[in-house]
Amino acid sequence: MAQITEIAPDLFRITTFVEPFNIQFSQFLMRDDQPLLFHTGPRALFSEVRTAVASLIDPRTLRWIGFSH
């Protein structure tokens, strides 16, 4: 299950831990008029990340998706 931390007003870190590999992935959601999800993580975590996003905003309103690598 993803852990959600509000790190600034309307800015959330969504952290998912993959136990078999002892690694965590962090995605960032900016809740705004045009919400941004930065770094969506591996495809295998889609369901978990989407559920976390849906607890904060309606996923249909997600306007921007960014990534860095």
N, C-alpha and C. Protein backbone atom coordinates (compact mmCIF):
# COMPACT_ATOMS: atom_id res chain seq x y z
N MET A 1 0.84 -1.18 0.00
CA MET A 1 0.00 0.00 0.00
C MET A 1 0.88 1.24 0.00
N ALA A 2 0.52 2.21 -0.82
CA ALA A 2 1.29 3.44 -0.92
C ALA A 2 1.12 4.29 0.33
N GLN A 3 2.19 4.95 0.69
CA GLN A 3 2.14 5.89 1.81
C GLN A 3 2.10 7.30 1.23
N ILE A 4 1.19 8.13 1.73
CA ILE A 4 1.03 9.50 1.25
C ILE A 4 1.48 10.45 2.34
N THR A 5 2.37 11.38 1.96
CA THR A 5 2.86 12.39 2.89
C THR A 5 2.69 13.76 2.25
N GLU A 6 2.02 14.67 2.95
CA GLU A 6 1.92 16.04 2.44
C GLU A 6 3.20 16.76 2.85
N ILE A 7 4.04 17.09 1.87
CA ILE A 7 5.35 17.68 2.17
C ILE A 7 5.32 19.20 2.11
N ALA A 8 4.28 19.76 1.54
CA ALA A 8 4.01 21.20 1.51
C ALA A 8 2.52 21.32 1.22
N PRO A 9 1.94 22.49 1.42
CA PRO A 9 0.51 22.61 1.13
C PRO A 9 0.18 22.17 -0.31
N ASP A 10 -0.69 21.19 -0.44
CA ASP A 10 -1.14 20.64 -1.72
C ASP A 10 -0.03 19.99 -2.56
N LEU A 11 1.07 19.60 -1.93
CA LEU A 11 2.13 18.86 -2.59
C LEU A 11 2.35 17.57 -1.80
N PHE A 12 2.17 16.43 -2.48
CA PHE A 12 2.18 15.13 -1.81
C PHE A 12 3.24 14.22 -2.39
N ARG A 13 3.92 13.49 -1.52
CA ARG A 13 4.81 12.41 -1.94
C ARG A 13 4.04 11.12 -1.76
N ILE A 14 3.98 10.33 -2.81
CA ILE A 14 3.34 9.02 -2.78
C ILE A 14 4.47 8.00 -2.88
N THR A 15 4.69 7.26 -1.81
CA THR A 15 5.81 6.32 -1.74
C THR A 15 5.29 4.89 -1.77
N THR A 16 5.86 4.10 -2.66
CA THR A 16 5.53 2.68 -2.74
C THR A 16 6.81 1.88 -2.49
N PHE A 17 6.70 0.87 -1.66
CA PHE A 17 7.84 0.04 -1.30
C PHE A 17 7.70 -1.32 -1.96
N VAL A 18 8.77 -1.77 -2.61
CA VAL A 18 8.78 -3.08 -3.27
C VAL A 18 9.69 -3.98 -2.43
N GLU A 19 9.06 -4.76 -1.58
CA GLU A 19 9.78 -5.55 -0.58
C GLU A 19 10.79 -6.54 -1.17
N PRO A 20 10.46 -7.30 -2.23
CA PRO A 20 11.43 -8.28 -2.72
C PRO A 20 12.76 -7.66 -3.15
N PHE A 21 12.74 -6.39 -3.54
CA PHE A 21 13.96 -5.71 -3.99
C PHE A 21 14.47 -4.69 -2.97
N ASN A 22 13.74 -4.54 -1.86
CA ASN A 22 14.11 -3.59 -0.81
C ASN A 22 14.36 -2.19 -1.39
N ILE A 23 13.40 -1.73 -2.18
CA ILE A 23 13.52 -0.42 -2.83
C ILE A 23 12.17 0.29 -2.74
N GLN A 24 12.23 1.60 -2.70
CA GLN A 24 10.99 2.38 -2.71
C GLN A 24 11.01 3.34 -3.89
N PHE A 25 9.83 3.65 -4.38
CA PHE A 25 9.65 4.60 -5.46
C PHE A 25 8.80 5.75 -4.93
N SER A 26 9.18 6.97 -5.30
CA SER A 26 8.41 8.13 -4.87
C SER A 26 7.86 8.86 -6.09
N GLN A 27 6.59 9.16 -6.01
CA GLN A 27 5.93 9.98 -7.01
C GLN A 27 5.45 11.23 -6.29
N PHE A 28 5.26 12.31 -7.03
CA PHE A 28 4.84 13.56 -6.41
C PHE A 28 3.60 14.08 -7.12
N LEU A 29 2.62 14.44 -6.33
CA LEU A 29 1.36 14.96 -6.86
C LEU A 29 1.19 16.39 -6.36
N MET A 30 1.01 17.32 -7.32
CA MET A 30 0.68 18.69 -6.97
C MET A 30 -0.81 18.88 -7.22
N ARG A 31 -1.54 19.10 -6.15
CA ARG A 31 -2.99 19.31 -6.24
C ARG A 31 -3.20 20.80 -6.54
N ASP A 32 -3.76 21.08 -7.73
CA ASP A 32 -3.89 22.45 -8.20
C ASP A 32 -5.04 22.50 -9.20
N ASP A 33 -5.27 23.65 -9.80
CA ASP A 33 -6.29 23.75 -10.85
C ASP A 33 -5.96 22.81 -12.01
N GLN A 34 -4.66 22.62 -12.27
CA GLN A 34 -4.19 21.69 -13.28
C GLN A 34 -3.20 20.73 -12.60
N PRO A 35 -3.71 19.69 -11.95
CA PRO A 35 -2.85 18.80 -11.15
C PRO A 35 -1.73 18.16 -11.98
N LEU A 36 -0.60 17.96 -11.31
CA LEU A 36 0.59 17.37 -11.91
C LEU A 36 0.99 16.14 -11.12
N LEU A 37 1.24 15.04 -11.81
CA LEU A 37 1.84 13.85 -11.20
C LEU A 37 3.23 13.73 -11.79
N PHE A 38 4.25 13.82 -10.92
CA PHE A 38 5.63 13.77 -11.38
C PHE A 38 6.21 12.41 -11.06
N HIS A 39 6.74 11.79 -12.08
CA HIS A 39 7.36 10.47 -12.01
C HIS A 39 6.36 9.41 -11.56
N THR A 40 5.73 8.79 -12.52
CA THR A 40 4.63 7.87 -12.24
C THR A 40 5.06 6.51 -11.70
N GLY A 41 6.34 6.18 -11.77
CA GLY A 41 6.82 4.91 -11.23
C GLY A 41 6.65 3.77 -12.23
N PRO A 42 7.10 2.57 -11.87
CA PRO A 42 7.00 1.41 -12.76
C PRO A 42 5.55 1.01 -13.01
N ARG A 43 5.30 0.45 -14.17
CA ARG A 43 3.96 0.03 -14.56
C ARG A 43 3.33 -0.94 -13.56
N ALA A 44 4.14 -1.78 -12.95
CA ALA A 44 3.62 -2.76 -11.98
C ALA A 44 2.98 -2.09 -10.77
N LEU A 45 3.31 -0.83 -10.52
CA LEU A 45 2.75 -0.11 -9.37
C LEU A 45 1.55 0.76 -9.74
N PHE A 46 1.11 0.69 -11.00
CA PHE A 46 0.04 1.58 -11.47
C PHE A 46 -1.19 1.56 -10.57
N SER A 47 -1.69 0.38 -10.26
CA SER A 47 -2.91 0.27 -9.47
C SER A 47 -2.76 0.93 -8.11
N GLU A 48 -1.63 0.68 -7.47
CA GLU A 48 -1.38 1.24 -6.14
C GLU A 48 -1.25 2.77 -6.20
N VAL A 49 -0.53 3.26 -7.20
CA VAL A 49 -0.36 4.72 -7.34
C VAL A 49 -1.69 5.37 -7.70
N ARG A 50 -2.45 4.75 -8.60
CA ARG A 50 -3.74 5.32 -8.98
C ARG A 50 -4.68 5.41 -7.78
N THR A 51 -4.70 4.39 -6.96
CA THR A 51 -5.53 4.40 -5.76
C THR A 51 -5.12 5.55 -4.83
N ALA A 52 -3.82 5.74 -4.67
CA ALA A 52 -3.33 6.84 -3.83
C ALA A 52 -3.72 8.19 -4.42
N VAL A 53 -3.54 8.35 -5.72
CA VAL A 53 -3.92 9.61 -6.38
C VAL A 53 -5.42 9.85 -6.20
N ALA A 54 -6.22 8.80 -6.37
CA ALA A 54 -7.68 8.93 -6.26
C ALA A 54 -8.12 9.31 -4.85
N SER A 55 -7.30 9.06 -3.86
CA SER A 55 -7.65 9.47 -2.50
C SER A 55 -7.42 10.97 -2.29
N LEU A 56 -6.72 11.59 -3.24
CA LEU A 56 -6.40 13.02 -3.12
C LEU A 56 -7.14 13.88 -4.14
N ILE A 57 -7.30 13.36 -5.36
CA ILE A 57 -8.00 14.09 -6.42
C ILE A 57 -8.78 13.08 -7.27
N ASP A 58 -9.66 13.57 -8.09
CA ASP A 58 -10.30 12.73 -9.09
C ASP A 58 -9.27 12.50 -10.20
N PRO A 59 -8.82 11.27 -10.44
CA PRO A 59 -7.78 11.02 -11.45
C PRO A 59 -8.13 11.57 -12.84
N ARG A 60 -9.41 11.72 -13.13
CA ARG A 60 -9.80 12.26 -14.44
C ARG A 60 -9.41 13.73 -14.59
N THR A 61 -9.12 14.40 -13.47
CA THR A 61 -8.74 15.82 -13.54
C THR A 61 -7.23 16.01 -13.67
N LEU A 62 -6.47 14.91 -13.63
CA LEU A 62 -5.02 15.00 -13.76
C LEU A 62 -4.67 15.62 -15.11
N ARG A 63 -3.96 16.73 -15.08
CA ARG A 63 -3.69 17.48 -16.32
C ARG A 63 -2.30 17.22 -16.85
N TRP A 64 -1.32 17.07 -15.96
CA TRP A 64 0.08 16.95 -16.37
C TRP A 64 0.72 15.72 -15.74
N ILE A 65 1.57 15.06 -16.52
CA ILE A 65 2.40 13.96 -16.04
C ILE A 65 3.83 14.28 -16.47
N GLY A 66 4.74 14.29 -15.52
CA GLY A 66 6.15 14.57 -15.82
C GLY A 66 7.03 13.44 -15.33
N PHE A 67 8.22 13.33 -15.91
CA PHE A 67 9.17 12.32 -15.46
C PHE A 67 10.58 12.83 -15.71
N SER A 68 11.54 12.23 -15.04
CA SER A 68 12.91 12.75 -15.13
C SER A 68 13.93 11.78 -15.72
N HIS A 69 13.60 10.48 -15.77
CA HIS A 69 14.58 9.56 -16.34
C HIS A 69 13.97 8.40 -17.03
